[in-house]
PDB file of N, CA and C in Angstrom:
ATOM      1  N   PRO A   1      21.865  73.751   5.868  1.00  0.00           N
ATOM      2  CA  PRO A   1      21.595  73.145   4.460  1.00  0.00           C
ATOM      3  C   PRO A   1      21.587  74.184   4.085  1.00  0.00           C
ATOM      4  N   PHE A   2      21.541  74.317   2.764  1.00  0.00           N
ATOM      5  CA  PHE A   2      21.730  75.989   2.157  1.00  0.00           C
ATOM      6  C   PHE A   2      20.300  75.866   0.985  1.00  0.00           C
ATOM      7  N   ASP A   3      20.032  77.568   0.426  1.00  0.00           N
ATOM      8  CA  ASP A   3      18.703  77.491  -0.117  1.00  0.00           C
ATOM      9  C   ASP A   3      18.945  76.859  -1.595  1.00  0.00           C
ATOM     10  N   ALA A   4      20.128  77.450  -1.508  1.00  0.00           N
ATOM     11  CA  ALA A   4      21.014  77.204  -3.178  1.00  0.00           C
ATOM     12  C   ALA A   4      22.458  77.073  -3.266  1.00  0.00           C
ATOM     13  N   ILE A   5      22.981  76.335  -4.436  1.00  0.00           N
ATOM     14  CA  ILE A   5      24.830  75.949  -4.100  1.00  0.00           C
ATOM     15  C   ILE A   5      24.687  75.830  -5.180  1.00  0.00           C
ATOM     16  N   ILE A   6      25.663  76.971  -6.327  1.00  0.00           N
ATOM     17  CA  ILE A   6      26.637  76.449  -7.405  1.00  0.00           C
ATOM     18  C   ILE A   6      27.542  75.699  -7.527  1.00  0.00           C
ATOM     19  N   VAL A   7      27.891  74.805  -7.970  1.00  0.00           N
ATOM     20  CA  VAL A   7      29.583  74.319  -8.095  1.00  0.00           C
ATOM     21  C   VAL A   7      30.254  74.229  -9.622  1.00  0.00           C
ATOM     22  N   THR A   8      31.380  74.663  -9.136  1.00  0.00           N
ATOM     23  CA  THR A   8      31.652  75.233 -10.688  1.00  0.00           C
ATOM     24  C   THR A   8      32.719  74.231 -10.826  1.00  0.00           C
ATOM     25  N   ALA A   9      32.928  72.656 -10.850  1.00  0.00           N
ATOM     26  CA  ALA A   9      34.495  72.060 -10.961  1.00  0.00           C
ATOM     27  C   ALA A   9      32.914  71.035 -11.363  1.00  0.00           C
ATOM     28  N   ALA A  10      33.173  69.909 -12.581  1.00  0.00           N
ATOM     29  CA  ALA A  10      32.024  69.410 -13.052  1.00  0.00           C
ATOM     30  C   ALA A  10      32.618  67.465 -12.421  1.00  0.00           C
ATOM     31  N   PRO A  11      32.267  67.083 -11.290  1.00  0.00           N
ATOM     32  CA  PRO A  11      32.187  66.003 -10.709  1.00  0.00           C
ATOM     33  C   PRO A  11      31.202  65.016 -12.107  1.00  0.00           C
ATOM     34  N   GLU A  12      31.559  63.751 -11.808  1.00  0.00           N
ATOM     35  CA  GLU A  12      31.713  62.552 -12.894  1.00  0.00           C
ATOM     36  C   GLU A  12      30.061  62.039 -12.874  1.00  0.00           C
ATOM     37  N   ALA A  13      29.875  62.307 -11.782  1.00  0.00           N
ATOM     38  CA  ALA A  13      28.110  61.595 -11.244  1.00  0.00           C
ATOM     39  C   ALA A  13      28.427  63.348 -10.022  1.00  0.00           C
ATOM     40  N   ILE A  14      26.913  63.094  -9.184  1.00  0.00           N
ATOM     41  CA  ILE A  14      26.555  64.466  -8.505  1.00  0.00           C
ATOM     42  C   ILE A  14      26.522  63.959  -7.348  1.00  0.00           C
ATOM     43  N   PRO A  15      27.673  64.561  -6.901  1.00  0.00           N
ATOM     44  CA  PRO A  15      28.402  64.427  -5.190  1.00  0.00           C
ATOM     45  C   PRO A  15      27.007  63.995  -3.859  1.00  0.00           C
ATOM     46  N   PRO A  16      26.484  62.726  -3.637  1.00  0.00           N
ATOM     47  CA  PRO A  16      25.433  62.666  -2.441  1.00  0.00           C
ATOM     48  C   PRO A  16      25.522  63.772  -0.693  1.00  0.00           C
ATOM     49  N   PRO A  17      27.154  63.903  -0.398  1.00  0.00           N
ATOM     50  CA  PRO A  17      27.237  65.040   0.318  1.00  0.00           C
ATOM     51  C   PRO A  17      27.105  66.602   0.218  1.00  0.00           C
ATOM     52  N   LEU A  18      26.978  66.511  -1.022  1.00  0.00           N
ATOM     53  CA  LEU A  18      25.958  67.844  -1.406  1.00  0.00           C
ATOM     54  C   LEU A  18      25.057  68.238  -2.041  1.00  0.00           C
ATOM     55  N   VAL A  19      24.323  66.742  -2.239  1.00  0.00           N
ATOM     56  CA  VAL A  19      22.224  67.331  -2.278  1.00  0.00           C
ATOM     57  C   VAL A  19      22.523  67.112  -1.323  1.00  0.00           C
ATOM     58  N   ASP A  20      22.742  66.580   0.571  1.00  0.00           N
ATOM     59  CA  ASP A  20      22.739  66.203   1.725  1.00  0.00           C
ATOM     60  C   ASP A  20      22.591  67.902   2.469  1.00  0.00           C
ATOM     61  N   GLN A  21      23.191  68.522   1.554  1.00  0.00           N
ATOM     62  CA  GLN A  21      23.512  70.126   1.990  1.00  0.00           C
ATOM     63  C   GLN A  21      22.263  71.145   1.672  1.00  0.00           C
ATOM     64  N   LEU A  22      22.017  70.284   0.554  1.00  0.00           N
ATOM     65  CA  LEU A  22      21.042  71.493   0.140  1.00  0.00           C
ATOM     66  C   LEU A  22      19.548  70.989   0.979  1.00  0.00           C
ATOM     67  N   ALA A  23      18.771  72.528   1.181  1.00  0.00           N
ATOM     68  CA  ALA A  23      17.555  72.308   1.984  1.00  0.00           C
ATOM     69  C   ALA A  23      16.536  72.172   1.292  1.00  0.00           C
ATOM     70  N   ASP A  24      15.246  71.430   2.022  1.00  0.00           N
ATOM     71  CA  ASP A  24      14.446  71.218   1.546  1.00  0.00           C
ATOM     72  C   ASP A  24      13.596  72.744   0.459  1.00  0.00           C
ATOM     73  N   GLY A  25      13.086  72.193  -0.111  1.00  0.00           N
ATOM     74  CA  GLY A  25      12.898  73.408  -0.906  1.00  0.00           C
ATOM     75  C   GLY A  25      14.009  73.949  -1.885  1.00  0.00           C
ATOM     76  N   GLY A  26      15.462  74.165  -1.920  1.00  0.00           N
ATOM     77  CA  GLY A  26      16.251  74.248  -1.783  1.00  0.00           C
ATOM     78  C   GLY A  26      16.820  73.590  -3.228  1.00  0.00           C
ATOM     79  N   ARG A  27      17.553  74.385  -4.527  1.00  0.00           N
ATOM     80  CA  ARG A  27      18.683  74.225  -5.493  1.00  0.00           C
ATOM     81  C   ARG A  27      20.004  74.441  -5.497  1.00  0.00           C
ATOM     82  N   MET A  28      20.703  73.627  -6.745  1.00  0.00           N
ATOM     83  CA  MET A  28      21.513  73.673  -7.107  1.00  0.00           C
ATOM     84  C   MET A  28      22.245  73.433  -8.409  1.00  0.00           C
ATOM     85  N   VAL A  29      22.841  73.885  -8.610  1.00  0.00           N
ATOM     86  CA  VAL A  29      23.255  73.699  -9.984  1.00  0.00           C
ATOM     87  C   VAL A  29      24.350  72.981 -10.227  1.00  0.00           C
ATOM     88  N   VAL A  30      24.662  72.486 -10.648  1.00  0.00           N
ATOM     89  CA  VAL A  30      26.179  71.169 -10.955  1.00  0.00           C
ATOM     90  C   VAL A  30      25.763  71.026 -12.476  1.00  0.00           C
ATOM     91  N   PRO A  31      27.409  71.473 -13.130  1.00  0.00           N
ATOM     92  CA  PRO A  31      28.107  70.128 -14.770  1.00  0.00           C
ATOM     93  C   PRO A  31      28.503  69.315 -14.118  1.00  0.00           C
ATOM     94  N   VAL A  32      28.188  67.898 -14.694  1.00  0.00           N
ATOM     95  CA  VAL A  32      27.925  66.509 -14.397  1.00  0.00           C
ATOM     96  C   VAL A  32      28.533  66.312 -15.934  1.00  0.00           C
ATOM     97  N   GLY A  33      29.892  65.398 -15.981  1.00  0.00           N
ATOM     98  CA  GLY A  33      30.128  64.160 -17.044  1.00  0.00           C
ATOM     99  C   GLY A  33      31.913  64.803 -16.256  1.00  0.00           C
ATOM    100  N   PRO A  34      32.508  63.704 -17.211  1.00  0.00           N
ATOM    101  CA  PRO A  34      33.629  62.504 -16.510  1.00  0.00           C
ATOM    102  C   PRO A  34      34.651  63.903 -17.724  1.00  0.00           C
ATOM    103  N   ARG A  35      35.703  63.739 -17.606  1.00  0.00           N
ATOM    104  CA  ARG A  35      36.698  65.023 -17.477  1.00  0.00           C
ATOM    105  C   ARG A  35      36.665  64.897 -18.626  1.00  0.00           C
ATOM    106  N   GLY A  36      37.174  65.846 -19.450  1.00  0.00           N
ATOM    107  CA  GLY A  36      36.984  66.220 -20.819  1.00  0.00           C
ATOM    108  C   GLY A  36      36.113  65.257 -22.094  1.00  0.00           C
ATOM    109  N   GLY A  37      35.013  64.793 -21.956  1.00  0.00           N
ATOM    110  CA  GLY A  37      33.800  64.495 -22.101  1.00  0.00           C
ATOM    111  C   GLY A  37      32.763  64.976 -21.956  1.00  0.00           C
ATOM    112  N   SER A  38      31.167  64.325 -22.583  1.00  0.00           N
ATOM    113  CA  SER A  38      30.526  65.386 -22.391  1.00  0.00           C
ATOM    114  C   SER A  38      29.787  65.917 -21.164  1.00  0.00           C
ATOM    115  N   GLN A  39      29.607  66.594 -20.928  1.00  0.00           N
ATOM    116  CA  GLN A  39      29.197  67.495 -19.475  1.00  0.00           C
ATOM    117  C   GLN A  39      28.055  68.026 -19.923  1.00  0.00           C
ATOM    118  N   GLN A  40      26.893  68.052 -18.663  1.00  0.00           N
ATOM    119  CA  GLN A  40      25.603  68.604 -18.744  1.00  0.00           C
ATOM    120  C   GLN A  40      25.272  69.539 -17.395  1.00  0.00           C
ATOM    121  N   LEU A  41      25.003  70.659 -18.042  1.00  0.00           N
ATOM    122  CA  LEU A  41      25.017  71.317 -17.183  1.00  0.00           C
ATOM    123  C   LEU A  41      23.527  71.259 -16.452  1.00  0.00           C
ATOM    124  N   THR A  42      23.319  70.850 -14.723  1.00  0.00           N
ATOM    125  CA  THR A  42      22.078  70.089 -14.428  1.00  0.00           C
ATOM    126  C   THR A  42      21.640  70.726 -12.287  1.00  0.00           C
ATOM    127  N   LEU A  43      20.050  71.000 -12.864  1.00  0.00           N
ATOM    128  CA  LEU A  43      19.083  71.367 -11.664  1.00  0.00           C
ATOM    129  C   LEU A  43      19.030  70.413 -10.885  1.00  0.00           C
ATOM    130  N   VAL A  44      19.591  70.195  -9.966  1.00  0.00           N
ATOM    131  CA  VAL A  44      18.685  69.663  -8.824  1.00  0.00           C
ATOM    132  C   VAL A  44      18.500  70.484  -8.060  1.00  0.00           C
ATOM    133  N   THR A  45      17.144  69.921  -7.895  1.00  0.00           N
ATOM    134  CA  THR A  45      15.871  70.457  -6.285  1.00  0.00           C
ATOM    135  C   THR A  45      15.223  69.591  -5.501  1.00  0.00           C
ATOM    136  N   LYS A  46      15.067  70.050  -4.756  1.00  0.00           N
ATOM    137  CA  LYS A  46      15.133  69.007  -3.798  1.00  0.00           C
ATOM    138  C   LYS A  46      13.305  69.977  -2.855  1.00  0.00           C
ATOM    139  N   SER A  47      12.641  68.877  -3.353  1.00  0.00           N
ATOM    140  CA  SER A  47      11.276  69.408  -3.292  1.00  0.00           C
ATOM    141  C   SER A  47      11.149  69.757  -1.251  1.00  0.00           C
ATOM    142  N   ALA A  48      10.187  70.141  -0.673  1.00  0.00           N
ATOM    143  CA  ALA A  48       9.905  70.253   0.035  1.00  0.00           C
ATOM    144  C   ALA A  48       9.549  68.533   1.139  1.00  0.00           C
ATOM    145  N   ASN A  49       9.337  67.902   0.969  1.00  0.00           N
ATOM    146  CA  ASN A  49       8.725  66.415   1.776  1.00  0.00           C
ATOM    147  C   ASN A  49      10.382  66.065   1.837  1.00  0.00           C
ATOM    148  N   GLY A  50      11.255  66.631  -0.132  1.00  0.00           N
ATOM    149  CA  GLY A  50      13.071  65.652   0.162  1.00  0.00           C
ATOM    150  C   GLY A  50      13.301  64.738  -0.319  1.00  0.00           C
ATOM    151  N   THR A  51      11.880  65.261  -1.900  1.00  0.00           N
ATOM    152  CA  THR A  51      12.461  64.320  -2.661  1.00  0.00           C
ATOM    153  C   THR A  51      13.594  65.438  -3.887  1.00  0.00           C
ATOM    154  N   VAL A  52      13.927  64.697  -3.921  1.00  0.00           N
ATOM    155  CA  VAL A  52      16.100  65.220  -5.487  1.00  0.00           C
ATOM    156  C   VAL A  52      15.399  64.757  -6.642  1.00  0.00           C
ATOM    157  N   ASP A  53      15.097  66.289  -7.262  1.00  0.00           N
ATOM    158  CA  ASP A  53      14.929  66.042  -9.121  1.00  0.00           C
ATOM    159  C   ASP A  53      15.755  66.402 -10.002  1.00  0.00           C
ATOM    160  N   ARG A  54      16.073  66.145 -10.955  1.00  0.00           N
ATOM    161  CA  ARG A  54      17.688  66.288 -11.400  1.00  0.00           C
ATOM    162  C   ARG A  54      16.868  66.649 -12.949  1.00  0.00           C
ATOM    163  N   ARG A  55      17.468  67.884 -13.263  1.00  0.00           N
ATOM    164  CA  ARG A  55      17.194  67.977 -14.666  1.00  0.00           C
ATOM    165  C   ARG A  55      18.420  68.760 -15.861  1.00  0.00           C
ATOM    166  N   ALA A  56      18.295  68.255 -16.603  1.00  0.00           N
ATOM    167  CA  ALA A  56      19.512  68.929 -18.144  1.00  0.00           C
ATOM    168  C   ALA A  56      19.281  70.011 -18.442  1.00  0.00           C
ATOM    169  N   LEU A  57      20.206  70.850 -18.232  1.00  0.00           N
ATOM    170  CA  LEU A  57      19.979  71.914 -18.884  1.00  0.00           C
ATOM    171  C   LEU A  57      20.487  72.456 -19.872  1.00  0.00           C
ATOM    172  N   ALA A  58      22.292  72.145 -20.139  1.00  0.00           N
ATOM    173  CA  ALA A  58      22.680  73.226 -21.408  1.00  0.00           C
ATOM    174  C   ALA A  58      23.465  71.698 -21.578  1.00  0.00           C
ATOM    175  N   PRO A  59      24.531  71.869 -22.163  1.00  0.00           N
ATOM    176  CA  PRO A  59      26.045  70.888 -22.670  1.00  0.00           C
ATOM    177  C   PRO A  59      27.085  72.284 -22.244  1.00  0.00           C
ATOM    178  N   VAL A  60      27.702  71.798 -21.844  1.00  0.00           N
ATOM    179  CA  VAL A  60      29.038  72.278 -21.381  1.00  0.00           C
ATOM    180  C   VAL A  60      30.149  71.706 -21.337  1.00  0.00           C
ATOM    181  N   ARG A  61      31.095  72.611 -20.600  1.00  0.00           N
ATOM    182  CA  ARG A  61      32.663  72.488 -20.387  1.00  0.00           C
ATOM    183  C   ARG A  61      33.006  72.919 -19.119  1.00  0.00           C
ATOM    184  N   PHE A  62      33.557  72.140 -18.494  1.00  0.00           N
ATOM    185  CA  PHE A  62      34.263  72.955 -17.103  1.00  0.00           C
ATOM    186  C   PHE A  62      34.703  72.193 -16.631  1.00  0.00           C
ATOM    187  N   VAL A  63      36.303  72.334 -15.728  1.00  0.00           N
ATOM    188  CA  VAL A  63      37.325  71.804 -15.029  1.00  0.00           C
ATOM    189  C   VAL A  63      36.819  70.888 -14.385  1.00  0.00           C
ATOM    190  N   PRO A  64      37.637  69.431 -14.046  1.00  0.00           N
ATOM    191  CA  PRO A  64      36.920  68.003 -13.608  1.00  0.00           C
ATOM    192  C   PRO A  64      36.981  68.767 -12.244  1.00  0.00           C
ATOM    193  N   PHE A  65      35.898  68.261 -11.331  1.00  0.00           N
ATOM    194  CA  PHE A  65      35.760  68.700  -9.663  1.00  0.00           C
ATOM    195  C   PHE A  65      37.584  66.775  -9.407  1.00  0.00           C
ATOM    196  N   LEU A  66      38.050  67.721  -8.806  1.00  0.00           N
ATOM    197  CA  LEU A  66      39.063  66.645  -8.132  1.00  0.00           C
ATOM    198  C   LEU A  66      38.657  66.266  -6.601  1.00  0.00           C
ATOM    199  N   ARG A  67      39.148  64.991  -7.123  1.00  0.00           N
ATOM    200  CA  ARG A  67      39.128  64.447  -5.439  1.00  0.00           C
ATOM    201  C   ARG A  67      40.413  63.968  -4.210  1.00  0.00           C
ATOM    202  N   THR A  68      40.653  64.168  -3.355  1.00  0.00           N
ATOM    203  CA  THR A  68      42.073  63.493  -2.151  1.00  0.00           C
ATOM    204  C   THR A  68      41.744  61.874  -2.202  1.00  0.00           C
ATOM    205  N   GLU A  69      42.831  61.251  -2.703  1.00  0.00           N
ATOM    206  CA  GLU A  69      42.835  59.411  -2.827  1.00  0.00           C
ATOM    207  C   GLU A  69      42.284  58.519  -0.598  1.00  0.00           C
ATOM    208  N   GLU A  70      41.997  59.658  -0.354  1.00  0.00           N
ATOM    209  CA  GLU A  70      41.128  59.888   1.317  1.00  0.00           C
ATOM    210  C   GLU A  70      39.712  59.153   1.129  1.00  0.00           C
ATOM    211  N   ASN A  71      38.574  60.155  -0.283  1.00  0.00           N
ATOM    212  CA  ASN A  71      37.423  60.257  -0.860  1.00  0.00           C
ATOM    213  C   ASN A  71      37.554  59.129  -2.290  1.00  0.00           C
TER     214      ASN A  71
END
């Protein structure tokens, strides 16, 4: 697990596998929203007990997060 993760492409929703890679006490910054639509830069924090908190920071516009057809 990582203490910090920065995502530079926008998924429509936060992928659970990314949250799983976040260490307890860690933080992740990720733009979230639809392709070509309104996106929010989001701070995801995982507490020491594993609770996940999400907080919108600012409106942004990033390239879309692409997935393979198998995923």
